Amino acid sequence: MFKSIKFNRIYLLCLAFTSGLTIMAIEISASRLLAPYYGSSTFVWTNIIGVIMLALAIGYYLGGKLADKRPEVNILLKLILFACFLLLSIPFFIQPLTEIVSKNILFWQSATILIFIGSLVIVSLLFFLPILILGSVSPFIIKLLSQSNDEIGKNAGMVFSISTIGSILGTFLPVLIFIPYLGTRKTIIIFSLLLIVITLLGLIKKKSLLIVFVFILPFNFFKLPAIKADSSAIYENESVYQYFQVVDRENYRYLKINEGLGVFSVLNKDPENFLTNTYYDFYNILPYIDGNEQNQNILILGLAGGTISTQLSNFFANKYNLNIDGVEIDKKLIEAGNSYFNLKNSSLTIYNLDGRNFLDYSAKNYNSIIIDVYSNQLYIPFQLTTKEFFESVKNHLSSKGVVAMNVNATSPNSKILKAITNTMLLVFNNVYTVQQEKDSWNFMVLAADNELNFKELKSLNEIQQLDSIIDLTLENVQKISYDKNSDYLIDDKAPIEYLTDWMIIDYLYKNL
């Protein structure tokens, strides 16, 4: 079926380069491909890296063993083609396969177990075999090169060097170019096709190769099926940072990130009611406790679709001279907010920046600074939890200013919550927590140098819709003392993901 042509050193090194390029591009894409179903937590990344490293290790061994027995280039090229066709199938099988796997794991009734076991099974089924085969490429090429000379060490060094350079490009190209502009699935298709083309250079006559190149271009324009089936979804997209959906359910619209466990914004579609029955509603007490000044300057780090800014504007724009600065790192979330969440309002100025960078370069002071930043699921970016970060926040607060942060914790005694409140107490004189409801995982953590007078909330409030929020706040507010048995967080040591993972594992252990 295949006709061999003359193979030379340059072709084999080119094959090693493209193989390394494809392996790393697939690994980078794997995390993005799984994010809509299982998120991109450390659980998922552990499974991706672990499975791919195991596949490569076995591939290195089997590839070397096969090359010793049958050092034939056609065998290698046919194996690569088979691996590439497996990779090409992944974008089309990911959705039905995850549905089958998830349905058979749901009996555990645990999102964390579903994420860990589900992602492990999917990565193993979809990626293990093709990556194992591609892992055999380098030792096989080393064997082929060593047949013409006995410089085995030099040949091995050259192959691994060229392959690693390919891997470097395979790291940057998907992140900077292909995924942002074409999407994850098309990225997998394009890199798989590229390796197919290089492989076919060694199997068919050169004059036929133009046909293969023609097949690559249409994949840039074909509209693939929805990434994640959801009859309630009215919009989906993926950015450099995450996959997201806009979902309509009953009277509410949700901005959901990755696997959907994390909701980044909520919109009440009732034009007369701006409350969402979620933790966002509690930030409406801030203008009353941050000095209650007529000029209200508020900063929101983690704007997303603008739930907090929209509520503050609707409730307080007529009462105060309200100015809100909203910082959001993901430009596509801002675009979705403008289109689906009424993000734009006269009180809001939007900055497409990282939250900590904004503080570094801004000279403005605020009555309130709200921190509602999550990278995925329950994980707060560690750099937004440290002593150095809160010192920067304090430098941007007015004399009676308040910082308010959303923290997901399983209980008031959670280690991650204790670590964050301890860290705040190193910078501020007073720290408080407000748990939304008794069993809620959402805690609003408030910090200020002056004592906050929550008892004045009822007398200051003139907005009937906020009465229930104020009642819950007064019922659940707790003043926090420094816990000597818990840690605090600094830039050099802030194990947020570790604390979050063990909090979840402890919760599961106690409740399963």
Protein backbone atom coordinates (compact mmCIF):
# COMPACT_ATOMS: atom_id res chain seq x y z
CA MET A 1 0.00 0.00 0.00
CA PHE A 2 2.76 2.43 0.95
CA LYS A 3 5.80 3.10 -1.17
CA SER A 4 9.02 3.96 0.60
CA ILE A 5 11.34 6.72 -0.49
CA LYS A 6 14.90 7.38 0.49
CA PHE A 7 15.15 8.33 4.13
CA ASN A 8 17.85 10.61 5.38
CA ARG A 9 19.00 12.11 8.60
CA ILE A 10 17.25 15.46 8.07
CA TYR A 11 13.87 13.79 7.54
CA LEU A 12 14.18 11.69 10.70
CA LEU A 13 15.16 14.74 12.78
CA CYS A 14 12.21 16.63 11.29
CA LEU A 15 9.98 13.74 12.33
CA ALA A 16 11.40 13.89 15.87
CA PHE A 17 10.77 17.65 15.97
CA THR A 18 7.16 17.36 14.79
CA SER A 19 6.48 14.48 17.15
CA GLY A 20 7.71 16.52 20.12
CA LEU A 21 5.69 19.50 18.90
CA THR A 22 2.51 17.43 18.65
CA ILE A 23 2.90 15.66 21.99
CA MET A 24 3.19 18.92 23.91
CA ALA A 25 0.42 20.63 21.91
CA ILE A 26 -1.87 17.70 22.70
CA GLU A 27 -0.94 17.80 26.40
CA ILE A 28 -1.67 21.54 26.62
CA SER A 29 -4.93 21.04 24.73
CA ALA A 30 -5.94 18.10 26.92
CA SER A 31 -6.50 20.34 29.94
CA ARG A 32 -8.65 22.72 27.90
CA LEU A 33 -10.58 19.85 26.34
CA LEU A 34 -11.48 18.42 29.76
CA ALA A 35 -12.22 21.78 31.40
CA PRO A 36 -15.88 22.01 30.23
CA TYR A 37 -16.58 18.65 31.86
CA TYR A 38 -14.21 18.35 34.83
CA GLY A 39 -12.62 21.78 35.27
CA SER A 40 -8.88 22.42 35.38
CA SER A 41 -8.11 21.86 39.04
CA THR A 42 -5.00 20.16 40.39
CA PHE A 43 -6.97 16.89 40.34
CA VAL A 44 -7.42 17.14 36.57
CA TRP A 45 -3.87 18.33 35.90
CA THR A 46 -2.49 15.51 38.04
CA ASN A 47 -4.38 13.00 35.94
CA ILE A 48 -3.31 14.55 32.65
CA ILE A 49 0.36 14.78 33.57
CA GLY A 50 0.40 11.38 35.28
CA VAL A 51 -1.27 9.50 32.42
CA ILE A 52 0.80 11.19 29.72
CA MET A 53 4.07 10.64 31.59
CA LEU A 54 3.19 6.97 32.12
CA ALA A 55 2.27 6.62 28.44
CA LEU A 56 5.56 8.23 27.37
CA ALA A 57 7.58 6.04 29.76
CA ILE A 58 6.03 2.87 28.37
CA GLY A 59 6.35 4.22 24.83
CA TYR A 60 10.06 4.93 25.26
CA TYR A 61 10.64 1.36 26.47
CA LEU A 62 8.48 -0.42 23.89
CA GLY A 63 9.74 1.82 21.08
CA GLY A 64 13.34 0.97 21.86
CA LYS A 65 12.53 -2.71 22.16
CA LEU A 66 10.66 -2.76 18.83
CA ALA A 67 13.42 -0.79 17.10
CA ASP A 68 15.99 -3.37 18.19
CA LYS A 69 13.92 -6.21 16.77
CA ARG A 70 12.68 -4.53 13.58
CA PRO A 71 14.52 -1.29 12.80
CA GLU A 72 12.33 -0.50 9.80
CA VAL A 73 11.24 3.05 9.20
CA ASN A 74 7.95 2.03 7.57
CA ILE A 75 6.86 0.35 10.81
CA LEU A 76 7.50 3.58 12.72
CA LEU A 77 5.66 5.71 10.20
CA LYS A 78 2.59 3.45 10.16
CA LEU A 79 2.49 3.52 13.96
CA ILE A 80 2.61 7.32 13.91
CA LEU A 81 -0.23 7.45 11.39
CA PHE A 82 -2.33 5.20 13.61
CA ALA A 83 -1.62 7.45 16.63
CA CYS A 84 -2.56 10.55 14.64
CA PHE A 85 -5.90 9.09 13.56
CA LEU A 86 -6.62 8.31 17.22
CA LEU A 87 -5.82 11.93 18.08
CA LEU A 88 -8.07 13.18 15.29
CA SER A 89 -10.98 11.26 16.77
CA ILE A 90 -10.64 12.83 20.24
CA PRO A 91 -12.52 16.10 19.55
CA PHE A 92 -15.50 14.11 18.26
CA PHE A 93 -15.61 11.47 21.00
CA ILE A 94 -14.95 13.62 24.07
CA GLN A 95 -18.58 14.67 24.65
CA PRO A 96 -20.37 11.29 24.31
CA LEU A 97 -17.60 9.53 26.21
CA THR A 98 -17.71 11.95 29.15
CA GLU A 99 -21.49 11.54 29.32
CA ILE A 100 -21.16 7.76 29.56
CA VAL A 101 -18.37 7.94 32.13
CA SER A 102 -20.04 10.61 34.26
CA LYS A 103 -23.36 8.73 34.40
CA ASN A 104 -21.55 5.68 35.73
CA ILE A 105 -19.69 7.65 38.41
CA LEU A 106 -22.58 9.81 39.62
CA PHE A 107 -23.67 7.13 42.09
CA TRP A 108 -20.83 8.38 44.31
CA GLN A 109 -22.86 11.61 44.70
CA SER A 110 -19.65 13.60 44.99
CA ALA A 111 -18.50 16.28 42.57
CA THR A 112 -14.88 15.84 43.63
CA ILE A 113 -14.89 12.09 43.05
CA LEU A 114 -16.62 12.66 39.72
CA ILE A 115 -13.95 15.18 38.72
CA PHE A 116 -11.01 13.03 39.83
CA ILE A 117 -12.19 9.59 38.67
CA GLY A 118 -14.00 10.90 35.60
CA SER A 119 -11.04 12.89 34.30
CA LEU A 120 -8.67 9.98 35.01
CA VAL A 121 -10.82 7.58 33.00
CA ILE A 122 -11.29 10.00 30.09
CA VAL A 123 -7.60 10.91 29.87
CA SER A 124 -6.66 7.24 29.96
CA LEU A 125 -9.17 6.22 27.29
CA LEU A 126 -8.49 9.08 24.88
CA PHE A 127 -4.83 9.96 25.30
CA PHE A 128 -2.93 6.98 26.69
CA LEU A 129 -2.56 4.88 23.53
CA PRO A 130 -1.73 7.65 21.00
CA ILE A 131 0.78 9.26 23.37
CA LEU A 132 2.33 5.85 24.10
CA ILE A 133 2.86 5.35 20.36
CA LEU A 134 4.32 8.84 19.92
CA GLY A 135 6.61 8.14 22.87
CA SER A 136 8.18 5.35 20.83
CA VAL A 137 9.29 7.79 18.12
CA SER A 138 12.49 9.11 19.73
CA PRO A 139 14.12 5.75 20.63
CA PHE A 140 13.09 4.36 17.24
CA ILE A 141 14.70 7.29 15.41
CA ILE A 142 17.85 6.99 17.53
CA LYS A 143 18.12 3.34 16.46
CA LEU A 144 17.60 4.21 12.79
CA LEU A 145 20.23 6.97 12.89
CA SER A 146 22.71 4.68 14.64
CA GLN A 147 22.54 2.15 11.83
CA SER A 148 24.55 4.42 9.57
CA ASN A 149 27.16 5.30 12.24
CA ASP A 150 28.16 4.23 15.72
CA GLU A 151 27.78 7.67 17.38
CA ILE A 152 24.85 6.52 19.52
CA GLY A 153 25.37 9.13 22.23
CA LYS A 154 25.56 11.95 19.70
CA ASN A 155 22.48 10.67 17.87
CA ALA A 156 20.50 10.34 21.10
CA GLY A 157 21.47 13.84 22.19
CA MET A 158 20.51 15.29 18.82
CA VAL A 159 17.11 13.55 18.72
CA PHE A 160 16.18 14.56 22.28
CA SER A 161 17.39 18.10 21.66
CA ILE A 162 15.37 18.49 18.44
CA SER A 163 12.33 16.84 20.02
CA THR A 164 12.54 19.16 23.04
CA ILE A 165 12.72 22.24 20.82
CA GLY A 166 9.57 20.96 19.13
CA SER A 167 7.98 20.54 22.58
CA ILE A 168 8.84 24.14 23.45
CA LEU A 169 7.02 25.37 20.35
CA GLY A 170 4.20 22.96 21.15
CA THR A 171 3.85 24.71 24.49
CA PHE A 172 3.68 28.28 23.20
CA LEU A 173 1.87 27.98 19.86
CA PRO A 174 -1.40 26.50 21.18
CA VAL A 175 -1.60 28.94 24.09
CA LEU A 176 -0.67 32.09 22.18
CA ILE A 177 -2.17 31.45 18.75
CA PHE A 178 -4.20 28.34 18.02
CA ILE A 179 -6.47 27.95 21.06
CA PRO A 180 -7.41 31.67 21.34
CA TYR A 181 -8.18 32.01 17.63
CA LEU A 182 -9.34 28.56 16.54
CA GLY A 183 -10.32 26.75 19.73
CA THR A 184 -9.05 23.64 21.48
CA ARG A 185 -10.57 20.99 19.24
CA LYS A 186 -9.31 22.57 16.03
CA THR A 187 -5.89 22.91 17.65
CA ILE A 188 -5.79 19.15 18.22
CA ILE A 189 -6.93 18.53 14.64
CA ILE A 190 -4.35 20.87 13.10
CA PHE A 191 -1.35 19.50 15.02
CA SER A 192 -2.45 15.93 14.33
CA LEU A 193 -2.77 16.70 10.62
CA LEU A 194 0.64 18.36 10.60
CA LEU A 195 2.23 15.18 11.96
CA ILE A 196 0.27 13.14 9.41
CA VAL A 197 1.68 15.28 6.59
CA ILE A 198 5.26 14.87 7.82
CA THR A 199 4.72 11.13 8.21
CA LEU A 200 3.27 10.80 4.71
CA LEU A 201 6.40 12.46 3.33
CA GLY A 202 8.09 9.18 4.11
CA LEU A 203 5.36 6.96 2.74
CA ILE A 204 4.00 8.36 -0.52
CA LYS A 205 5.32 10.11 -3.57
CA LYS A 206 5.99 13.80 -3.13
CA LYS A 207 3.71 14.90 -5.97
CA SER A 208 0.70 13.56 -4.06
CA LEU A 209 1.39 15.62 -0.94
CA LEU A 210 -0.36 18.77 -2.20
CA ILE A 211 -3.68 16.99 -1.79
CA VAL A 212 -2.95 16.40 1.90
CA PHE A 213 -2.20 20.08 2.54
CA VAL A 214 -5.52 21.03 0.94
CA PHE A 215 -7.36 18.98 3.57
CA ILE A 216 -5.86 20.99 6.44
CA LEU A 217 -7.37 24.37 5.62
CA PRO A 218 -11.11 23.54 5.75
CA PHE A 219 -10.85 22.55 9.41
CA ASN A 220 -10.26 26.22 10.24
CA PHE A 221 -13.70 27.10 8.95
CA PHE A 222 -15.92 24.14 9.79
CA LYS A 223 -18.24 24.76 12.73
CA LEU A 224 -17.84 21.87 15.11
CA PRO A 225 -20.72 20.65 17.32
CA ALA A 226 -21.28 22.36 20.66
CA ILE A 227 -18.42 21.71 23.08
CA LYS A 228 -20.75 20.71 25.89
CA ALA A 229 -24.38 19.78 25.39
CA ASP A 230 -26.75 21.84 27.53
CA SER A 231 -30.26 22.66 26.39
CA SER A 232 -30.26 25.70 28.68
CA ALA A 233 -27.07 27.19 27.20
CA ILE A 234 -27.60 30.24 25.01
CA TYR A 235 -23.90 30.93 24.39
CA GLU A 236 -20.56 29.19 24.79
CA ASN A 237 -16.98 30.16 24.10
CA GLU A 238 -13.45 29.56 25.31
CA SER A 239 -10.75 32.06 26.09
CA VAL A 240 -7.07 31.85 26.94
CA TYR A 241 -8.11 31.23 30.55
CA GLN A 242 -11.19 29.01 30.48
CA TYR A 243 -14.25 27.59 28.76
CA PHE A 244 -17.53 29.26 29.67
CA GLN A 245 -21.26 29.03 29.03
CA VAL A 246 -24.15 31.44 29.46
CA VAL A 247 -27.09 29.41 30.75
CA ASP A 248 -30.74 30.42 31.23
CA ARG A 249 -32.64 28.54 33.93
CA GLU A 250 -36.06 29.70 35.12
CA ASN A 251 -35.76 33.36 36.19
CA TYR A 252 -31.97 33.51 36.26
CA ARG A 253 -29.07 33.69 33.82
CA TYR A 254 -25.75 32.16 34.85
CA LEU A 255 -22.18 32.56 33.65
CA LYS A 256 -20.67 29.12 34.20
CA ILE A 257 -16.99 28.32 33.96
CA ASN A 258 -15.38 25.07 32.81
CA GLU A 259 -17.27 22.05 34.18
CA GLY A 260 -20.11 24.26 35.43
CA LEU A 261 -19.60 23.83 39.17
CA GLY A 262 -18.31 27.38 39.35
CA VAL A 263 -20.82 30.19 38.69
CA PHE A 264 -19.07 33.49 38.01
CA SER A 265 -22.10 35.73 37.50
CA VAL A 266 -25.87 35.62 37.99
CA LEU A 267 -28.52 37.87 36.47
CA ASN A 268 -32.09 38.05 37.76
CA LYS A 269 -34.18 38.43 34.61
CA ASP A 270 -36.96 40.12 36.56
CA PRO A 271 -36.41 43.83 35.73
CA GLU A 272 -37.87 44.81 39.10
CA ASN A 273 -35.65 42.55 41.21
CA PHE A 274 -31.85 42.73 41.12
CA LEU A 275 -31.13 40.22 43.89
CA THR A 276 -29.89 36.76 42.94
CA ASN A 277 -30.35 34.74 46.17
CA THR A 278 -26.62 34.07 46.12
CA TYR A 279 -23.59 35.44 47.96
CA TYR A 280 -23.33 38.36 45.52
CA ASP A 281 -26.27 40.04 47.25
CA PHE A 282 -24.33 40.53 50.49
CA TYR A 283 -21.89 43.01 48.96
CA ASN A 284 -24.70 45.56 48.88
CA ILE A 285 -24.09 46.30 52.57
CA LEU A 286 -20.66 47.80 51.81
CA PRO A 287 -21.69 51.41 51.12
CA TYR A 288 -23.25 51.49 54.61
CA ILE A 289 -20.20 50.20 56.51
CA ASP A 290 -17.28 51.76 54.59
CA GLY A 291 -17.86 55.18 56.12
CA ASN A 292 -21.18 55.83 54.34
CA GLU A 293 -19.59 58.70 52.45
CA GLN A 294 -21.50 60.52 49.74
CA ASN A 295 -18.72 59.83 47.22
CA GLN A 296 -18.55 56.08 46.91
CA ASN A 297 -15.50 54.77 45.04
CA ILE A 298 -15.56 50.98 44.84
CA LEU A 299 -13.10 48.57 43.27
CA ILE A 300 -14.10 45.05 42.18
CA LEU A 301 -11.33 42.55 41.45
CA GLY A 302 -12.92 39.73 39.46
CA LEU A 303 -15.67 41.55 37.58
CA ALA A 304 -16.76 38.64 35.32
CA GLY A 305 -20.29 39.39 34.07
CA GLY A 306 -20.73 42.19 36.59
CA THR A 307 -23.33 40.87 39.04
CA ILE A 308 -21.94 42.92 41.94
CA SER A 309 -21.39 46.10 39.91
CA THR A 310 -24.87 45.87 38.38
CA GLN A 311 -26.51 45.50 41.80
CA LEU A 312 -24.52 48.31 43.37
CA SER A 313 -25.34 50.61 40.47
CA ASN A 314 -29.06 49.84 40.56
CA PHE A 315 -29.35 50.20 44.33
CA PHE A 316 -27.00 53.10 45.05
CA ALA A 317 -26.33 55.21 41.94
CA ASN A 318 -29.19 57.55 42.88
CA LYS A 319 -28.23 57.72 46.56
CA TYR A 320 -24.47 58.32 46.23
CA ASN A 321 -21.99 59.70 43.78
CA LEU A 322 -21.07 56.15 42.81
CA ASN A 323 -17.94 55.23 40.84
CA ILE A 324 -17.03 51.57 40.34
CA ASP A 325 -13.79 50.29 38.83
CA GLY A 326 -14.12 46.69 37.67
CA VAL A 327 -11.03 44.62 36.91
CA GLU A 328 -11.31 41.44 34.86
CA ILE A 329 -8.39 39.56 33.33
CA ASP A 330 -10.48 37.64 30.76
CA LYS A 331 -11.48 39.89 27.86
CA LYS A 332 -13.97 37.36 26.53
CA LEU A 333 -15.82 37.33 29.85
CA ILE A 334 -16.13 41.09 29.57
CA GLU A 335 -17.59 40.68 26.07
CA ALA A 336 -20.04 38.06 27.34
CA GLY A 337 -20.97 40.37 30.22
CA ASN A 338 -21.73 43.19 27.82
CA SER A 339 -23.87 40.96 25.62
CA TYR A 340 -25.72 38.84 28.18
CA PHE A 341 -25.49 40.40 31.67
CA ASN A 342 -26.17 44.13 31.26
CA LEU A 343 -22.59 44.79 32.32
CA LYS A 344 -22.43 48.33 30.98
CA ASN A 345 -23.69 51.09 33.26
CA SER A 346 -22.80 54.72 33.85
CA SER A 347 -21.17 54.01 37.23
CA LEU A 348 -18.74 51.37 35.93
CA THR A 349 -15.28 51.67 34.38
CA ILE A 350 -13.83 48.37 33.17
CA TYR A 351 -10.14 47.45 33.18
CA ASN A 352 -8.96 44.34 31.32
CA LEU A 353 -6.06 43.59 33.67
CA ASP A 354 -4.80 41.20 36.33
CA GLY A 355 -6.05 42.32 39.75
CA ARG A 356 -2.68 42.54 41.43
CA ASN A 357 -1.12 44.36 38.48
CA PHE A 358 -3.95 46.89 38.61
CA LEU A 359 -3.16 47.65 42.25
CA ASP A 360 0.54 47.98 41.46
CA TYR A 361 -0.02 50.59 38.77
CA SER A 362 -3.07 52.44 40.12
CA ALA A 363 -2.82 55.41 42.47
CA LYS A 364 -6.55 55.56 43.30
CA ASN A 365 -8.06 55.08 46.75
CA TYR A 366 -11.40 53.37 47.40
CA ASN A 367 -14.07 53.19 50.08
CA SER A 368 -14.51 49.48 49.39
CA ILE A 369 -12.42 46.88 47.59
CA ILE A 370 -14.21 43.66 46.66
CA ILE A 371 -12.19 40.54 45.85
CA ASP A 372 -14.16 37.82 44.06
CA VAL A 373 -11.53 36.02 42.01
CA TYR A 374 -11.47 32.31 41.23
CA SER A 375 -9.38 30.52 38.63
CA ASN A 376 -11.63 27.43 38.63
CA GLN A 377 -14.03 25.71 40.99
CA LEU A 378 -13.03 26.63 44.56
CA TYR A 379 -9.48 27.82 43.89
CA ILE A 380 -8.57 31.42 44.64
CA PRO A 381 -5.35 32.45 42.84
CA PHE A 382 -2.75 32.21 45.60
CA GLN A 383 -1.23 35.61 44.81
CA LEU A 384 -4.53 37.24 45.82
CA THR A 385 -4.48 35.77 49.34
CA THR A 386 -1.08 36.76 50.72
CA LYS A 387 0.12 39.30 53.25
CA GLU A 388 1.88 41.26 50.50
CA PHE A 389 -1.34 41.39 48.48
CA PHE A 390 -3.44 42.65 51.38
CA GLU A 391 -0.81 45.27 52.16
CA SER A 392 -1.22 46.51 48.59
CA VAL A 393 -5.01 46.47 49.01
CA LYS A 394 -4.74 48.48 52.23
CA ASN A 395 -2.64 51.12 50.47
CA HIS A 396 -5.61 51.73 48.16
CA LEU A 397 -8.24 52.09 50.89
CA SER A 398 -9.53 55.31 52.40
CA SER A 399 -9.21 55.85 56.17
CA LYS A 400 -12.48 54.03 56.91
CA GLY A 401 -12.21 51.72 53.93
CA VAL A 402 -13.31 48.08 53.91
CA VAL A 403 -12.01 45.08 51.97
CA ALA A 404 -14.53 42.31 51.28
CA MET A 405 -13.52 38.92 49.92
CA ASN A 406 -15.51 35.86 48.88
CA VAL A 407 -13.98 32.66 50.29
CA ASN A 408 -15.33 29.16 49.67
CA ALA A 409 -14.96 27.05 52.80
CA THR A 410 -16.77 24.00 54.14
CA SER A 411 -17.07 25.43 57.66
CA PRO A 412 -16.02 28.40 59.83
CA ASN A 413 -13.14 26.24 61.07
CA SER A 414 -11.83 25.40 57.61
CA LYS A 415 -8.04 25.70 57.38
CA ILE A 416 -8.18 27.78 54.21
CA LEU A 417 -10.60 30.24 55.80
CA LYS A 418 -8.44 30.43 58.93
CA ALA A 419 -5.31 30.98 56.85
CA ILE A 420 -6.92 33.88 54.95
CA THR A 421 -8.38 35.55 58.06
CA ASN A 422 -5.03 35.14 59.86
CA THR A 423 -3.30 36.80 56.92
CA MET A 424 -5.78 39.67 56.91
CA LEU A 425 -5.25 40.16 60.66
CA LEU A 426 -1.55 40.71 60.00
CA VAL A 427 -2.53 43.75 57.93
CA PHE A 428 -5.87 44.98 59.36
CA ASN A 429 -7.02 45.52 62.94
CA ASN A 430 -10.44 43.95 62.49
CA VAL A 431 -11.67 40.96 60.48
CA TYR A 432 -15.22 39.61 60.25
CA THR A 433 -16.95 36.76 58.41
CA VAL A 434 -20.53 36.57 57.18
CA GLN A 435 -21.78 33.13 56.19
CA GLN A 436 -24.64 33.38 53.71
CA GLU A 437 -26.61 30.54 55.30
CA LYS A 438 -25.87 27.88 57.89
CA ASP A 439 -24.72 25.22 55.40
CA SER A 440 -23.40 27.57 52.74
CA TRP A 441 -19.79 27.30 51.58
CA ASN A 442 -19.69 31.01 50.78
CA PHE A 443 -18.14 33.31 53.38
CA MET A 444 -17.84 37.04 52.93
CA VAL A 445 -14.67 38.03 54.78
CA LEU A 446 -14.49 41.72 55.74
CA ALA A 447 -11.41 43.56 56.97
CA ALA A 448 -10.84 47.13 58.11
CA ASP A 449 -8.67 49.08 60.52
CA ASN A 450 -11.66 50.61 62.27
CA GLU A 451 -14.38 48.53 63.92
CA LEU A 452 -17.37 47.99 61.66
CA ASN A 453 -20.74 48.93 63.10
CA PHE A 454 -23.14 46.39 61.66
CA LYS A 455 -25.92 47.45 64.03
CA GLU A 456 -26.36 50.66 62.04
CA LEU A 457 -27.28 48.75 58.90
CA LYS A 458 -31.00 48.71 59.65
CA SER A 459 -31.21 52.43 60.38
CA LEU A 460 -29.14 53.38 57.33
CA ASN A 461 -30.92 51.16 54.85
CA GLU A 462 -33.74 52.67 52.79
CA ILE A 463 -33.97 49.89 50.21
CA GLN A 464 -36.68 47.35 50.99
CA GLN A 465 -35.13 44.62 48.81
CA LEU A 466 -32.03 44.65 51.03
CA ASP A 467 -33.91 44.09 54.32
CA SER A 468 -33.51 40.31 54.20
CA ILE A 469 -29.81 40.61 53.34
CA ILE A 470 -29.21 42.89 56.28
CA ASP A 471 -31.13 40.55 58.61
CA LEU A 472 -29.00 37.59 57.50
CA THR A 473 -25.84 39.65 57.89
CA LEU A 474 -26.71 40.66 61.46
CA GLU A 475 -27.62 37.06 62.24
CA ASN A 476 -24.44 35.50 60.82
CA VAL A 477 -21.65 38.06 61.25
CA GLN A 478 -18.73 36.91 63.40
CA LYS A 479 -15.70 38.87 64.54
CA ILE A 480 -12.55 36.81 64.01
CA SER A 481 -9.49 36.55 66.23
CA TYR A 482 -6.05 35.38 65.16
CA ASP A 483 -5.80 31.59 65.34
CA LYS A 484 -2.34 30.59 66.60
CA ASN A 485 -2.94 27.01 65.47
CA SER A 486 -3.37 28.05 61.84
CA ASP A 487 -0.94 29.41 59.25
CA TYR A 488 -0.83 32.68 57.40
CA LEU A 489 0.01 33.22 53.75
CA ILE A 490 2.90 35.05 52.09
CA ASP A 491 4.03 35.26 48.47
CA ASP A 492 6.76 32.72 49.14
CA LYS A 493 4.40 30.22 50.75
CA ALA A 494 0.69 30.22 49.97
CA PRO A 495 -0.47 26.60 49.44
CA ILE A 496 -4.02 27.56 48.46
CA GLU A 497 -4.66 24.59 46.18
CA TYR A 498 -3.25 22.18 48.77
CA LEU A 499 -5.49 23.64 51.49
CA THR A 500 -8.50 23.59 49.18
CA ASP A 501 -7.94 19.98 48.07
CA TRP A 502 -7.54 18.70 51.63
CA MET A 503 -10.57 20.68 52.75
CA ILE A 504 -12.65 18.89 50.11
CA ILE A 505 -11.16 15.49 50.93
CA ASP A 506 -11.84 16.02 54.63
CA TYR A 507 -15.42 17.05 53.86
CA LEU A 508 -15.95 13.94 51.74
CA TYR A 509 -14.47 11.70 54.41
CA LYS A 510 -16.84 13.09 57.04
CA ASN A 511 -19.95 13.05 54.86
CA LEU A 512 -19.73 9.91 52.72
